[in-house]
Amino acid sequence: MSKYMLIMRNTDEGYAEYVQKDFSEIIAAMGRYNEAMMQAGVLVAGEGLSGADEGAVVDFTAETPVVTDGPYGETKELFNGFWILDVATKEEAVEWAKRAPLHGPGNKVEVRRVTGPDDFPKDEWAEKEAGWREQLGTN
């Protein structure tokens, strides 16, 4: 089994349409989707995020990081939340992503594999990481 992150993204246009929808319908659709993943035993975690106006971006382009508080001016895409799934293949993760109740302009779900200890060299930092994961209960 491998972990995959499903990343909710949308555009300003998609967000504008979203805020016009009945919020209780959105929550119910997300609840049914989350429940289906829980019943299938694939959902590890999932969270929505507050709006960009509550966030900040730390840009490392310059020698000293530059912080920009939200909203970030011109945005092309916003990261709105995520799910972590534990599934057998990328294809299975994609199938779950296709079922997300996110229909509308500019809405996307990006599917990315979550790296694990086997993706990195076995050195002192890998050993420390294993200890940290054990401490945090995130093996």
C-alpha atoms as a PDB file:
ATOM      1  CA  MET A   1       0.000   0.000   0.000  1.00  0.00           C
ATOM      2  CA  SER A   2       1.097   3.573  -0.661  1.00  0.00           C
ATOM      3  CA  LYS A   3      -0.121   6.910   0.583  1.00  0.00           C
ATOM      4  CA  TYR A   4      -1.362   9.496  -1.885  1.00  0.00           C
ATOM      5  CA  MET A   5      -2.374  13.076  -1.283  1.00  0.00           C
ATOM      6  CA  LEU A   6      -5.382  14.382  -3.160  1.00  0.00           C
ATOM      7  CA  ILE A   7      -4.965  18.153  -3.310  1.00  0.00           C
ATOM      8  CA  MET A   8      -8.065  20.297  -3.904  1.00  0.00           C
ATOM      9  CA  ARG A   9      -7.337  23.244  -6.156  1.00  0.00           C
ATOM     10  CA  ASN A  10      -9.519  25.800  -7.863  1.00  0.00           C
ATOM     11  CA  THR A  11      -9.327  29.144  -9.589  1.00  0.00           C
ATOM     12  CA  ASP A  12     -10.754  32.518  -8.601  1.00  0.00           C
ATOM     13  CA  GLU A  13     -13.645  31.840 -11.001  1.00  0.00           C
ATOM     14  CA  GLY A  14     -14.324  28.474  -9.397  1.00  0.00           C
ATOM     15  CA  TYR A  15     -14.252  30.028  -5.941  1.00  0.00           C
ATOM     16  CA  ALA A  16     -16.697  32.740  -7.028  1.00  0.00           C
ATOM     17  CA  GLU A  17     -19.128  30.026  -8.151  1.00  0.00           C
ATOM     18  CA  TYR A  18     -18.552  28.020  -4.977  1.00  0.00           C
ATOM     19  CA  VAL A  19     -19.604  30.879  -2.679  1.00  0.00           C
ATOM     20  CA  GLN A  20     -22.905  31.127  -4.574  1.00  0.00           C
ATOM     21  CA  LYS A  21     -23.805  27.498  -3.738  1.00  0.00           C
ATOM     22  CA  ASP A  22     -25.798  26.284  -0.741  1.00  0.00           C
ATOM     23  CA  PHE A  23     -23.128  25.579   1.886  1.00  0.00           C
ATOM     24  CA  SER A  24     -25.177  22.808   3.544  1.00  0.00           C
ATOM     25  CA  GLU A  25     -25.319  20.958   0.199  1.00  0.00           C
ATOM     26  CA  ILE A  26     -21.547  21.294  -0.188  1.00  0.00           C
ATOM     27  CA  ILE A  27     -20.950  19.947   3.326  1.00  0.00           C
ATOM     28  CA  ALA A  28     -23.372  17.053   2.768  1.00  0.00           C
ATOM     29  CA  ALA A  29     -21.683  16.077  -0.519  1.00  0.00           C
ATOM     30  CA  MET A  30     -18.228  16.229   1.094  1.00  0.00           C
ATOM     31  CA  GLY A  31     -19.514  14.247   4.065  1.00  0.00           C
ATOM     32  CA  ARG A  32     -20.842  11.475   1.795  1.00  0.00           C
ATOM     33  CA  TYR A  33     -17.535  11.406  -0.105  1.00  0.00           C
ATOM     34  CA  ASN A  34     -15.466  11.244   3.101  1.00  0.00           C
ATOM     35  CA  GLU A  35     -17.763   8.576   4.529  1.00  0.00           C
ATOM     36  CA  ALA A  36     -17.361   6.429   1.393  1.00  0.00           C
ATOM     37  CA  MET A  37     -13.576   6.622   1.708  1.00  0.00           C
ATOM     38  CA  MET A  38     -13.747   5.791   5.429  1.00  0.00           C
ATOM     39  CA  GLN A  39     -16.007   2.794   4.780  1.00  0.00           C
ATOM     40  CA  ALA A  40     -13.603   1.591   2.074  1.00  0.00           C
ATOM     41  CA  GLY A  41     -10.764   1.850   4.598  1.00  0.00           C
ATOM     42  CA  VAL A  42      -8.625   4.174   2.451  1.00  0.00           C
ATOM     43  CA  LEU A  43      -8.955   7.549   4.207  1.00  0.00           C
ATOM     44  CA  VAL A  44      -6.005   8.409   6.455  1.00  0.00           C
ATOM     45  CA  ALA A  45      -6.645  12.154   6.867  1.00  0.00           C
ATOM     46  CA  GLY A  46      -8.357  15.072   5.227  1.00  0.00           C
ATOM     47  CA  GLU A  47      -8.810  18.743   5.937  1.00  0.00           C
ATOM     48  CA  GLY A  48     -10.183  21.848   4.300  1.00  0.00           C
ATOM     49  CA  LEU A  49      -8.309  25.125   4.484  1.00  0.00           C
ATOM     50  CA  SER A  50      -9.422  28.660   5.304  1.00  0.00           C
ATOM     51  CA  GLY A  51      -9.510  31.256   2.546  1.00  0.00           C
ATOM     52  CA  ALA A  52      -6.368  32.777   1.076  1.00  0.00           C
ATOM     53  CA  ASP A  53      -7.162  36.044   2.847  1.00  0.00           C
ATOM     54  CA  GLU A  54      -6.226  34.343   6.143  1.00  0.00           C
ATOM     55  CA  GLY A  55      -2.975  32.864   4.830  1.00  0.00           C
ATOM     56  CA  ALA A  56       0.515  34.008   3.927  1.00  0.00           C
ATOM     57  CA  VAL A  57       3.179  33.054   1.401  1.00  0.00           C
ATOM     58  CA  VAL A  58       6.875  32.868   2.276  1.00  0.00           C
ATOM     59  CA  ASP A  59       8.907  33.418  -0.894  1.00  0.00           C
ATOM     60  CA  PHE A  60      12.523  32.176  -0.848  1.00  0.00           C
ATOM     61  CA  THR A  61      13.574  33.760  -4.156  1.00  0.00           C
ATOM     62  CA  ALA A  62      15.668  36.442  -2.442  1.00  0.00           C
ATOM     63  CA  GLU A  63      18.415  35.956   0.148  1.00  0.00           C
ATOM     64  CA  THR A  64      15.982  36.970   2.900  1.00  0.00           C
ATOM     65  CA  PRO A  65      12.554  35.283   2.695  1.00  0.00           C
ATOM     66  CA  VAL A  66       9.730  37.678   1.795  1.00  0.00           C
ATOM     67  CA  VAL A  67       6.339  37.200   3.459  1.00  0.00           C
ATOM     68  CA  THR A  68       3.154  38.217   1.649  1.00  0.00           C
ATOM     69  CA  ASP A  69      -0.067  38.118   3.628  1.00  0.00           C
ATOM     70  CA  GLY A  70      -3.200  36.906   1.884  1.00  0.00           C
ATOM     71  CA  PRO A  71      -4.978  37.511  -0.252  1.00  0.00           C
ATOM     72  CA  TYR A  72      -2.018  37.137  -2.559  1.00  0.00           C
ATOM     73  CA  GLY A  73      -3.035  39.551  -5.297  1.00  0.00           C
ATOM     74  CA  GLU A  74      -3.387  37.822  -8.638  1.00  0.00           C
ATOM     75  CA  THR A  75      -4.030  34.120  -8.094  1.00  0.00           C
ATOM     76  CA  LYS A  76      -4.285  31.513 -10.793  1.00  0.00           C
ATOM     77  CA  GLU A  77      -4.970  28.572  -8.502  1.00  0.00           C
ATOM     78  CA  LEU A  78      -5.753  28.155  -4.826  1.00  0.00           C
ATOM     79  CA  PHE A  79      -4.975  25.137  -2.656  1.00  0.00           C
ATOM     80  CA  ASN A  80      -8.180  24.567  -0.657  1.00  0.00           C
ATOM     81  CA  GLY A  81      -7.708  21.305   1.180  1.00  0.00           C
ATOM     82  CA  PHE A  82      -6.481  17.750   0.960  1.00  0.00           C
ATOM     83  CA  TRP A  83      -7.090  14.095   1.654  1.00  0.00           C
ATOM     84  CA  ILE A  84      -4.446  11.458   2.403  1.00  0.00           C
ATOM     85  CA  LEU A  85      -5.393   8.002   1.139  1.00  0.00           C
ATOM     86  CA  ASP A  86      -3.691   4.662   1.712  1.00  0.00           C
ATOM     87  CA  VAL A  87      -4.312   2.695  -1.475  1.00  0.00           C
ATOM     88  CA  ALA A  88      -2.632   0.010  -3.564  1.00  0.00           C
ATOM     89  CA  THR A  89      -1.888   2.062  -6.688  1.00  0.00           C
ATOM     90  CA  LYS A  90      -1.862   5.538  -8.183  1.00  0.00           C
ATOM     91  CA  GLU A  91      -4.728   4.430 -10.390  1.00  0.00           C
ATOM     92  CA  GLU A  92      -6.846   3.666  -7.312  1.00  0.00           C
ATOM     93  CA  ALA A  93      -6.040   7.114  -5.892  1.00  0.00           C
ATOM     94  CA  VAL A  94      -7.050   8.690  -9.215  1.00  0.00           C
ATOM     95  CA  GLU A  95     -10.351   6.784  -9.159  1.00  0.00           C
ATOM     96  CA  TRP A  96     -11.107   8.209  -5.699  1.00  0.00           C
ATOM     97  CA  ALA A  97     -10.105  11.689  -6.912  1.00  0.00           C
ATOM     98  CA  LYS A  98     -12.544  11.416  -9.821  1.00  0.00           C
ATOM     99  CA  ARG A  99     -15.370  10.860  -7.320  1.00  0.00           C
ATOM    100  CA  ALA A 100     -14.719  14.104  -5.383  1.00  0.00           C
ATOM    101  CA  PRO A 101     -17.790  16.391  -5.356  1.00  0.00           C
ATOM    102  CA  LEU A 102     -15.944  19.340  -6.867  1.00  0.00           C
ATOM    103  CA  HIS A 103     -17.686  19.901 -10.202  1.00  0.00           C
ATOM    104  CA  GLY A 104     -17.354  23.464 -11.450  1.00  0.00           C
ATOM    105  CA  PRO A 105     -15.085  25.785 -13.411  1.00  0.00           C
ATOM    106  CA  GLY A 106     -11.414  25.602 -12.515  1.00  0.00           C
ATOM    107  CA  ASN A 107     -11.804  22.852  -9.907  1.00  0.00           C
ATOM    108  CA  LYS A 108      -9.068  20.215  -9.930  1.00  0.00           C
ATOM    109  CA  VAL A 109      -7.717  17.481  -7.717  1.00  0.00           C
ATOM    110  CA  GLU A 110      -3.993  16.854  -7.965  1.00  0.00           C
ATOM    111  CA  VAL A 111      -2.875  13.326  -7.039  1.00  0.00           C
ATOM    112  CA  ARG A 112       0.612  12.967  -5.563  1.00  0.00           C
ATOM    113  CA  ARG A 113       2.317  10.025  -3.883  1.00  0.00           C
ATOM    114  CA  VAL A 114       3.476  10.742  -0.346  1.00  0.00           C
ATOM    115  CA  THR A 115       7.132   9.805  -0.029  1.00  0.00           C
ATOM    116  CA  GLY A 116       8.253   7.430   2.671  1.00  0.00           C
ATOM    117  CA  PRO A 117      11.478   6.294   4.331  1.00  0.00           C
ATOM    118  CA  ASP A 118      12.353   3.996   1.412  1.00  0.00           C
ATOM    119  CA  ASP A 119      12.564   7.010  -0.922  1.00  0.00           C
ATOM    120  CA  PHE A 120      15.628   8.422   0.859  1.00  0.00           C
ATOM    121  CA  PRO A 121      19.173   7.293   1.626  1.00  0.00           C
ATOM    122  CA  LYS A 122      19.664   5.331   4.838  1.00  0.00           C
ATOM    123  CA  ASP A 123      21.713   7.738   6.935  1.00  0.00           C
ATOM    124  CA  GLU A 124      21.616   9.394  10.366  1.00  0.00           C
ATOM    125  CA  TRP A 125      18.750  11.668   9.274  1.00  0.00           C
ATOM    126  CA  ALA A 126      16.668   8.724   8.124  1.00  0.00           C
ATOM    127  CA  GLU A 127      17.164   7.154  11.561  1.00  0.00           C
ATOM    128  CA  LYS A 128      16.158  10.412  13.264  1.00  0.00           C
ATOM    129  CA  GLU A 129      13.106  10.682  10.992  1.00  0.00           C
ATOM    130  CA  ALA A 130      12.037   7.158  11.950  1.00  0.00           C
ATOM    131  CA  GLY A 131      12.308   8.135  15.619  1.00  0.00           C
ATOM    132  CA  TRP A 132      10.305  11.320  15.056  1.00  0.00           C
ATOM    133  CA  ARG A 133       7.572   9.392  13.237  1.00  0.00           C
ATOM    134  CA  GLU A 134       7.420   6.936  16.120  1.00  0.00           C
ATOM    135  CA  GLN A 135       7.165   9.811  18.635  1.00  0.00           C
ATOM    136  CA  LEU A 136       4.382  11.417  16.621  1.00  0.00           C
ATOM    137  CA  GLY A 137       2.597   8.127  15.957  1.00  0.00           C
ATOM    138  CA  THR A 138       2.773   8.648  12.183  1.00  0.00           C
ATOM    139  CA  ASN A 139       4.601   5.492  11.101  1.00  0.00           C
END
